[in-house]
Each structure stands twice: as C-alpha cells, then as structure tokens.
PDB file of all heavy atoms in Angstrom:
ATOM      1  N   THR A   1      -3.650  16.135  13.795  1.00  0.00           N
ATOM      2  CA  THR A   1      -3.692  17.196  12.784  1.00  0.00           C
ATOM      3  C   THR A   1      -4.056  16.683  11.476  1.00  0.00           C
ATOM      4  O   THR A   1      -3.990  15.468  11.259  1.00  0.00           O
ATOM      5  CB  THR A   1      -2.279  18.034  12.616  1.00  0.00           C
ATOM      6  OG1 THR A   1      -1.381  16.900  12.050  1.00  0.00           O
ATOM      7  CG2 THR A   1      -1.828  18.529  13.909  1.00  0.00           C
ATOM      8  N   LYS A   2      -4.736  17.534  10.663  1.00  0.00           N
ATOM      9  CA  LYS A   2      -5.180  17.029   9.394  1.00  0.00           C
ATOM     10  C   LYS A   2      -3.923  16.424   8.526  1.00  0.00           C
ATOM     11  O   LYS A   2      -3.985  15.746   7.806  1.00  0.00           O
ATOM     12  CB  LYS A   2      -5.890  18.221   8.652  1.00  0.00           C
ATOM     13  CG  LYS A   2      -7.287  18.580   9.260  1.00  0.00           C
ATOM     14  CD  LYS A   2      -7.877  19.637   8.406  1.00  0.00           C
ATOM     15  CE  LYS A   2      -9.196  20.093   9.029  1.00  0.00           C
ATOM     16  NZ  LYS A   2      -9.783  21.108   8.285  1.00  0.00           N
ATOM     17  N   GLN A   3      -2.767  17.178   8.703  1.00  0.00           N
ATOM     18  CA  GLN A   3      -1.690  16.924   8.034  1.00  0.00           C
ATOM     19  C   GLN A   3      -1.074  15.500   8.389  1.00  0.00           C
ATOM     20  O   GLN A   3      -0.770  14.799   7.549  1.00  0.00           O
ATOM     21  CB  GLN A   3      -0.638  17.855   8.172  1.00  0.00           C
ATOM     22  CG  GLN A   3      -1.038  19.297   7.478  1.00  0.00           C
ATOM     23  CD  GLN A   3       0.079  20.384   7.869  1.00  0.00           C
ATOM     24  OE1 GLN A   3       0.846  20.172   8.709  1.00  0.00           O
ATOM     25  NE2 GLN A   3       0.061  21.431   7.111  1.00  0.00           N
ATOM     26  N   ASP A   4      -1.310  15.225   9.694  1.00  0.00           N
ATOM     27  CA  ASP A   4      -0.795  13.934  10.176  1.00  0.00           C
ATOM     28  C   ASP A   4      -1.730  12.838   9.802  1.00  0.00           C
ATOM     29  O   ASP A   4      -1.454  11.729   9.408  1.00  0.00           O
ATOM     30  CB  ASP A   4      -0.695  13.805  11.780  1.00  0.00           C
ATOM     31  CG  ASP A   4       0.478  14.666  12.220  1.00  0.00           C
ATOM     32  OD1 ASP A   4       1.295  14.957  11.395  1.00  0.00           O
ATOM     33  OD2 ASP A   4       0.305  14.975  13.377  1.00  0.00           O
ATOM     34  N   LYS A   5      -3.044  13.034   9.844  1.00  0.00           N
ATOM     35  CA  LYS A   5      -4.116  12.044   9.510  1.00  0.00           C
ATOM     36  C   LYS A   5      -3.984  11.606   8.011  1.00  0.00           C
ATOM     37  O   LYS A   5      -4.200  10.464   7.713  1.00  0.00           O
ATOM     38  CB  LYS A   5      -5.518  12.624   9.845  1.00  0.00           C
ATOM     39  CG  LYS A   5      -6.522  11.554   9.968  1.00  0.00           C
ATOM     40  CD  LYS A   5      -6.227  10.702  11.202  1.00  0.00           C
ATOM     41  CE  LYS A   5      -7.264   9.744  11.477  1.00  0.00           C
ATOM     42  NZ  LYS A   5      -6.899   8.607  12.396  1.00  0.00           N
ATOM     43  N   LEU A   6      -3.969  12.595   7.146  1.00  0.00           N
ATOM     44  CA  LEU A   6      -4.109  12.268   5.710  1.00  0.00           C
ATOM     45  C   LEU A   6      -2.910  11.279   5.243  1.00  0.00           C
ATOM     46  O   LEU A   6      -3.036  10.413   4.549  1.00  0.00           O
ATOM     47  CB  LEU A   6      -4.228  13.439   4.765  1.00  0.00           C
ATOM     48  CG  LEU A   6      -5.597  14.313   4.948  1.00  0.00           C
ATOM     49  CD1 LEU A   6      -5.521  15.507   4.183  1.00  0.00           C
ATOM     50  CD2 LEU A   6      -6.697  13.376   4.493  1.00  0.00           C
ATOM     51  N   PRO A   7      -1.637  11.785   5.563  1.00  0.00           N
ATOM     52  CA  PRO A   7      -0.435  10.958   5.015  1.00  0.00           C
ATOM     53  C   PRO A   7      -0.569   9.569   5.668  1.00  0.00           C
ATOM     54  O   PRO A   7      -0.263   8.626   4.968  1.00  0.00           O
ATOM     55  CB  PRO A   7       0.641  11.612   5.609  1.00  0.00           C
ATOM     56  CG  PRO A   7       0.338  13.009   5.633  1.00  0.00           C
ATOM     57  CD  PRO A   7      -1.091  13.016   6.088  1.00  0.00           C
ATOM     58  N   THR A   8      -1.154   9.341   6.833  1.00  0.00           N
ATOM     59  CA  THR A   8      -1.302   8.114   7.426  1.00  0.00           C
ATOM     60  C   THR A   8      -2.248   7.282   6.662  1.00  0.00           C
ATOM     61  O   THR A   8      -2.049   6.090   6.280  1.00  0.00           O
ATOM     62  CB  THR A   8      -1.801   8.149   8.924  1.00  0.00           C
ATOM     63  OG1 THR A   8      -0.893   8.950   9.657  1.00  0.00           O
ATOM     64  CG2 THR A   8      -1.922   6.848   9.574  1.00  0.00           C
ATOM     65  N   MET A   9      -3.318   7.795   6.234  1.00  0.00           N
ATOM     66  CA  MET A   9      -4.318   7.135   5.425  1.00  0.00           C
ATOM     67  C   MET A   9      -3.556   6.770   4.054  1.00  0.00           C
ATOM     68  O   MET A   9      -3.856   5.729   3.567  1.00  0.00           O
ATOM     69  CB  MET A   9      -5.567   8.038   5.280  1.00  0.00           C
ATOM     70  CG  MET A   9      -6.386   7.949   6.548  1.00  0.00           C
ATOM     71  SD  MET A   9      -7.826   9.261   6.423  1.00  0.00           S
ATOM     72  CE  MET A   9      -8.562   8.569   4.991  1.00  0.00           C
ATOM     73  N   ASN A  10      -3.026   7.759   3.530  1.00  0.00           N
ATOM     74  CA  ASN A  10      -2.360   7.527   2.228  1.00  0.00           C
ATOM     75  C   ASN A  10      -1.239   6.393   2.445  1.00  0.00           C
ATOM     76  O   ASN A  10      -1.125   5.541   1.535  1.00  0.00           O
ATOM     77  CB  ASN A  10      -1.603   8.845   1.772  1.00  0.00           C
ATOM     78  CG  ASN A  10      -2.742   9.759   1.233  1.00  0.00           C
ATOM     79  OD1 ASN A  10      -3.741   9.311   0.787  1.00  0.00           O
ATOM     80  ND2 ASN A  10      -2.434  11.064   1.001  1.00  0.00           N
ATOM     81  N   CYS A  11      -0.556   6.436   3.468  1.00  0.00           N
ATOM     82  CA  CYS A  11       0.430   5.276   3.756  1.00  0.00           C
ATOM     83  C   CYS A  11      -0.357   3.994   3.813  1.00  0.00           C
ATOM     84  O   CYS A  11       0.292   2.957   3.254  1.00  0.00           O
ATOM     85  CB  CYS A  11       1.171   5.535   4.933  1.00  0.00           C
ATOM     86  SG  CYS A  11       2.427   6.958   4.883  1.00  0.00           S
ATOM     87  N   ASP A  12      -1.365   3.965   4.385  1.00  0.00           N
ATOM     88  CA  ASP A  12      -2.177   2.770   4.550  1.00  0.00           C
ATOM     89  C   ASP A  12      -2.586   2.292   3.156  1.00  0.00           C
ATOM     90  O   ASP A  12      -2.391   1.005   2.788  1.00  0.00           O
ATOM     91  CB  ASP A  12      -3.438   2.834   5.529  1.00  0.00           C
ATOM     92  CG  ASP A  12      -2.903   2.920   6.971  1.00  0.00           C
ATOM     93  OD1 ASP A  12      -1.860   2.596   7.339  1.00  0.00           O
ATOM     94  OD2 ASP A  12      -3.883   3.431   7.703  1.00  0.00           O
ATOM     95  N   MET A  13      -3.097   3.174   2.359  1.00  0.00           N
ATOM     96  CA  MET A  13      -3.591   2.823   1.039  1.00  0.00           C
ATOM     97  C   MET A  13      -2.386   2.520   0.239  1.00  0.00           C
ATOM     98  O   MET A  13      -2.484   1.618  -0.594  1.00  0.00           O
ATOM     99  CB  MET A  13      -4.352   4.026   0.417  1.00  0.00           C
ATOM    100  CG  MET A  13      -5.782   4.213   1.201  1.00  0.00           C
ATOM    101  SD  MET A  13      -6.446   5.722   0.782  1.00  0.00           S
ATOM    102  CE  MET A  13      -7.221   5.434  -0.728  1.00  0.00           C
ATOM    103  N   ASP A  14      -1.298   3.226   0.251  1.00  0.00           N
ATOM    104  CA  ASP A  14      -0.145   3.012  -0.557  1.00  0.00           C
ATOM    105  C   ASP A  14       0.442   1.647  -0.033  1.00  0.00           C
ATOM    106  O   ASP A  14       0.849   0.671  -0.969  1.00  0.00           O
ATOM    107  CB  ASP A  14       0.971   3.994  -0.260  1.00  0.00           C
ATOM    108  CG  ASP A  14       0.605   5.334  -0.914  1.00  0.00           C
ATOM    109  OD1 ASP A  14      -0.272   5.315  -1.878  1.00  0.00           O
ATOM    110  OD2 ASP A  14       1.234   6.205  -0.656  1.00  0.00           O
ATOM    111  N   GLY A  15       0.423   1.333   1.315  1.00  0.00           N
ATOM    112  CA  GLY A  15       0.935  -0.061   1.685  1.00  0.00           C
ATOM    113  C   GLY A  15       0.086  -1.181   1.139  1.00  0.00           C
ATOM    114  O   GLY A  15       0.554  -2.138   0.839  1.00  0.00           O
ATOM    115  N   GLU A  16      -1.253  -1.036   1.197  1.00  0.00           N
ATOM    116  CA  GLU A  16      -2.089  -1.931   0.726  1.00  0.00           C
ATOM    117  C   GLU A  16      -1.963  -2.154  -0.749  1.00  0.00           C
ATOM    118  O   GLU A  16      -1.977  -3.332  -1.238  1.00  0.00           O
ATOM    119  CB  GLU A  16      -3.624  -1.626   0.998  1.00  0.00           C
ATOM    120  CG  GLU A  16      -3.965  -1.698   2.398  1.00  0.00           C
ATOM    121  CD  GLU A  16      -5.386  -1.277   2.692  1.00  0.00           C
ATOM    122  OE1 GLU A  16      -6.281  -1.191   1.653  1.00  0.00           O
ATOM    123  OE2 GLU A  16      -5.767  -1.030   3.861  1.00  0.00           O
ATOM    124  N   MET A  17      -1.742  -1.191  -1.449  1.00  0.00           N
ATOM    125  CA  MET A  17      -1.490  -1.204  -2.973  1.00  0.00           C
ATOM    126  C   MET A  17      -0.255  -1.875  -3.239  1.00  0.00           C
ATOM    127  O   MET A  17       0.037  -2.725  -4.177  1.00  0.00           O
ATOM    128  CB  MET A  17      -1.684   0.110  -3.744  1.00  0.00           C
ATOM    129  CG  MET A  17      -3.092   0.618  -3.723  1.00  0.00           C
ATOM    130  SD  MET A  17      -3.491   2.065  -4.763  1.00  0.00           S
ATOM    131  CE  MET A  17      -2.163   3.126  -4.589  1.00  0.00           C
ATOM    132  N   GLU A  18       0.872  -1.493  -2.435  1.00  0.00           N
ATOM    133  CA  GLU A  18       2.147  -2.196  -2.555  1.00  0.00           C
ATOM    134  C   GLU A  18       2.081  -3.646  -2.254  1.00  0.00           C
ATOM    135  O   GLU A  18       2.586  -4.458  -3.031  1.00  0.00           O
ATOM    136  CB  GLU A  18       3.109  -1.461  -1.694  1.00  0.00           C
ATOM    137  CG  GLU A  18       3.570  -0.117  -2.154  1.00  0.00           C
ATOM    138  CD  GLU A  18       4.626   0.551  -1.239  1.00  0.00           C
ATOM    139  OE1 GLU A  18       5.095  -0.133  -0.307  1.00  0.00           O
ATOM    140  OE2 GLU A  18       4.801   1.830  -1.439  1.00  0.00           O
ATOM    141  N   ASN A  19       1.322  -4.010  -1.082  1.00  0.00           N
ATOM    142  CA  ASN A  19       1.220  -5.321  -0.906  1.00  0.00           C
ATOM    143  C   ASN A  19       0.510  -6.124  -2.074  1.00  0.00           C
ATOM    144  O   ASN A  19       0.802  -7.218  -2.317  1.00  0.00           O
ATOM    145  CB  ASN A  19       0.385  -5.524   0.389  1.00  0.00           C
ATOM    146  CG  ASN A  19       1.304  -5.274   1.581  1.00  0.00           C
ATOM    147  OD1 ASN A  19       2.403  -5.162   1.605  1.00  0.00           O
ATOM    148  ND2 ASN A  19       0.607  -4.907   2.759  1.00  0.00           N
ATOM    149  N   GLN A  20      -0.554  -5.438  -2.531  1.00  0.00           N
ATOM    150  CA  GLN A  20      -1.293  -6.061  -3.695  1.00  0.00           C
ATOM    151  C   GLN A  20      -0.373  -6.361  -4.881  1.00  0.00           C
ATOM    152  O   GLN A  20      -0.380  -7.408  -5.431  1.00  0.00           O
ATOM    153  CB  GLN A  20      -2.526  -5.255  -4.161  1.00  0.00           C
ATOM    154  CG  GLN A  20      -3.375  -6.076  -5.081  1.00  0.00           C
ATOM    155  CD  GLN A  20      -4.609  -5.140  -5.337  1.00  0.00           C
ATOM    156  OE1 GLN A  20      -4.771  -3.982  -4.891  1.00  0.00           O
ATOM    157  NE2 GLN A  20      -5.410  -5.758  -6.316  1.00  0.00           N
ATOM    158  N   VAL A  21       0.371  -5.286  -5.235  1.00  0.00           N
ATOM    159  CA  VAL A  21       1.447  -5.385  -6.384  1.00  0.00           C
ATOM    160  C   VAL A  21       2.397  -6.514  -6.124  1.00  0.00           C
ATOM    161  O   VAL A  21       2.752  -7.189  -6.962  1.00  0.00           O
ATOM    162  CB  VAL A  21       1.920  -4.015  -6.608  1.00  0.00           C
ATOM    163  CG1 VAL A  21       3.190  -4.176  -7.617  1.00  0.00           C
ATOM    164  CG2 VAL A  21       0.997  -3.057  -7.142  1.00  0.00           C
ATOM    165  N   GLU A  22       2.913  -6.517  -4.760  1.00  0.00           N
ATOM    166  CA  GLU A  22       3.838  -7.587  -4.469  1.00  0.00           C
ATOM    167  C   GLU A  22       3.224  -8.959  -4.668  1.00  0.00           C
ATOM    168  O   GLU A  22       3.940  -9.880  -5.078  1.00  0.00           O
ATOM    169  CB  GLU A  22       4.432  -7.376  -3.025  1.00  0.00           C
ATOM    170  CG  GLU A  22       5.353  -6.248  -3.011  1.00  0.00           C
ATOM    171  CD  GLU A  22       5.853  -5.903  -1.490  1.00  0.00           C
ATOM    172  OE1 GLU A  22       5.530  -6.796  -0.606  1.00  0.00           O
ATOM    173  OE2 GLU A  22       6.484  -4.909  -1.251  1.00  0.00           O
ATOM    174  N   MET A  23       2.053  -9.116  -4.144  1.00  0.00           N
ATOM    175  CA  MET A  23       1.385 -10.419  -4.056  1.00  0.00           C
ATOM    176  C   MET A  23       1.122 -10.862  -5.646  1.00  0.00           C
ATOM    177  O   MET A  23       1.363 -12.059  -5.962  1.00  0.00           O
ATOM    178  CB  MET A  23       0.054 -10.370  -3.456  1.00  0.00           C
ATOM    179  CG  MET A  23       0.209 -10.338  -1.847  1.00  0.00           C
ATOM    180  SD  MET A  23       1.231 -11.687  -1.207  1.00  0.00           S
ATOM    181  CE  MET A  23      -0.034 -13.028  -1.624  1.00  0.00           C
ATOM    182  N   GLU A  24       0.717  -9.913  -6.412  1.00  0.00           N
ATOM    183  CA  GLU A  24       0.615 -10.225  -7.904  1.00  0.00           C
ATOM    184  C   GLU A  24       2.007 -10.708  -8.454  1.00  0.00           C
ATOM    185  O   GLU A  24       1.898 -11.642  -9.280  1.00  0.00           O
ATOM    186  CB  GLU A  24      -0.002  -9.009  -8.593  1.00  0.00           C
ATOM    187  CG  GLU A  24      -1.459  -8.692  -8.186  1.00  0.00           C
ATOM    188  CD  GLU A  24      -2.012  -7.520  -8.893  1.00  0.00           C
ATOM    189  OE1 GLU A  24      -1.302  -6.699  -9.487  1.00  0.00           O
ATOM    190  OE2 GLU A  24      -3.381  -7.288  -8.627  1.00  0.00           O
ATOM    191  N   GLU A  25       2.907  -9.902  -8.141  1.00  0.00           N
ATOM    192  CA  GLU A  25       4.360 -10.114  -8.692  1.00  0.00           C
ATOM    193  C   GLU A  25       4.666 -11.623  -8.226  1.00  0.00           C
ATOM    194  O   GLU A  25       5.334 -12.286  -9.037  1.00  0.00           O
ATOM    195  CB  GLU A  25       5.339  -9.056  -8.197  1.00  0.00           C
ATOM    196  CG  GLU A  25       6.681  -9.257  -8.725  1.00  0.00           C
ATOM    197  CD  GLU A  25       6.812  -9.142 -10.292  1.00  0.00           C
ATOM    198  OE1 GLU A  25       5.866  -8.512 -10.941  1.00  0.00           O
ATOM    199  OE2 GLU A  25       7.854  -9.405 -10.830  1.00  0.00           O
ATOM    200  N   LYS A  26       4.524 -11.799  -6.927  1.00  0.00           N
ATOM    201  CA  LYS A  26       4.852 -13.153  -6.368  1.00  0.00           C
ATOM    202  C   LYS A  26       4.132 -14.299  -7.078  1.00  0.00           C
ATOM    203  O   LYS A  26       4.628 -15.193  -7.455  1.00  0.00           O
ATOM    204  CB  LYS A  26       4.603 -13.170  -4.812  1.00  0.00           C
ATOM    205  CG  LYS A  26       5.603 -12.486  -4.045  1.00  0.00           C
ATOM    206  CD  LYS A  26       5.330 -12.673  -2.505  1.00  0.00           C
ATOM    207  CE  LYS A  26       6.291 -11.851  -1.833  1.00  0.00           C
ATOM    208  NZ  LYS A  26       5.925 -11.856  -0.298  1.00  0.00           N
ATOM    209  N   THR A  27       2.824 -13.993  -7.345  1.00  0.00           N
ATOM    210  CA  THR A  27       1.982 -15.043  -8.010  1.00  0.00           C
ATOM    211  C   THR A  27       2.499 -15.211  -9.413  1.00  0.00           C
ATOM    212  O   THR A  27       2.621 -16.460  -9.904  1.00  0.00           O
ATOM    213  CB  THR A  27       0.527 -14.537  -7.989  1.00  0.00           C
ATOM    214  OG1 THR A  27       0.114 -14.362  -6.581  1.00  0.00           O
ATOM    215  CG2 THR A  27      -0.438 -15.572  -8.631  1.00  0.00           C
ATOM    216  N   ARG A  28       2.806 -14.076 -10.039  1.00  0.00           N
ATOM    217  CA  ARG A  28       3.270 -14.304 -11.488  1.00  0.00           C
ATOM    218  C   ARG A  28       4.540 -15.016 -11.524  1.00  0.00           C
ATOM    219  O   ARG A  28       4.787 -15.978 -12.400  1.00  0.00           O
ATOM    220  CB  ARG A  28       3.465 -12.913 -12.043  1.00  0.00           C
ATOM    221  CG  ARG A  28       3.895 -12.951 -13.570  1.00  0.00           C
ATOM    222  CD  ARG A  28       4.137 -11.520 -14.122  1.00  0.00           C
ATOM    223  NE  ARG A  28       5.404 -11.033 -13.469  1.00  0.00           N
ATOM    224  CZ  ARG A  28       6.651 -11.299 -13.823  1.00  0.00           C
ATOM    225  NH1 ARG A  28       6.876 -12.186 -14.675  1.00  0.00           N
ATOM    226  NH2 ARG A  28       7.674 -10.614 -13.196  1.00  0.00           N
ATOM    227  N   LEU A  29       5.460 -14.778 -10.548  1.00  0.00           N
ATOM    228  CA  LEU A  29       6.773 -15.427 -10.558  1.00  0.00           C
ATOM    229  C   LEU A  29       6.664 -16.857 -10.173  1.00  0.00           C
ATOM    230  O   LEU A  29       7.275 -17.835 -10.722  1.00  0.00           O
ATOM    231  CB  LEU A  29       7.688 -14.715  -9.505  1.00  0.00           C
ATOM    232  CG  LEU A  29       8.273 -13.342  -9.951  1.00  0.00           C
ATOM    233  CD1 LEU A  29       9.059 -12.706  -8.832  1.00  0.00           C
ATOM    234  CD2 LEU A  29       9.084 -13.393 -11.202  1.00  0.00           C
ATOM    235  N   ILE A  30       5.685 -17.206  -9.165  1.00  0.00           N
ATOM    236  CA  ILE A  30       5.528 -18.582  -8.840  1.00  0.00           C
ATOM    237  C   ILE A  30       5.037 -19.405 -10.049  1.00  0.00           C
ATOM    238  O   ILE A  30       5.405 -20.599 -10.350  1.00  0.00           O
ATOM    239  CB  ILE A  30       4.499 -18.630  -7.628  1.00  0.00           C
ATOM    240  CG1 ILE A  30       5.221 -18.249  -6.395  1.00  0.00           C
ATOM    241  CG2 ILE A  30       4.045 -20.161  -7.448  1.00  0.00           C
ATOM    242  CD1 ILE A  30       4.275 -17.982  -5.175  1.00  0.00           C
TER     243      ILE A  30
END
C-alpha cells in the first residue's frame, strides 16, 4: 500500500539520519 511504503522509506531515512547523528555524537565524544 502507499501508506505502508512511504513510512518504511521515511523510517529508513530517519534511521540513516539517526545513525549519522549518533556517529557524529560518538565522534565528538571520542
């Protein structure tokens, strides 16, 4: 469904952005 497909893509993008933010935070803390 269109509704199923869009949130999945958003989750992937959100997950990637969260991972990038986490990596930046880890790098800063290190």
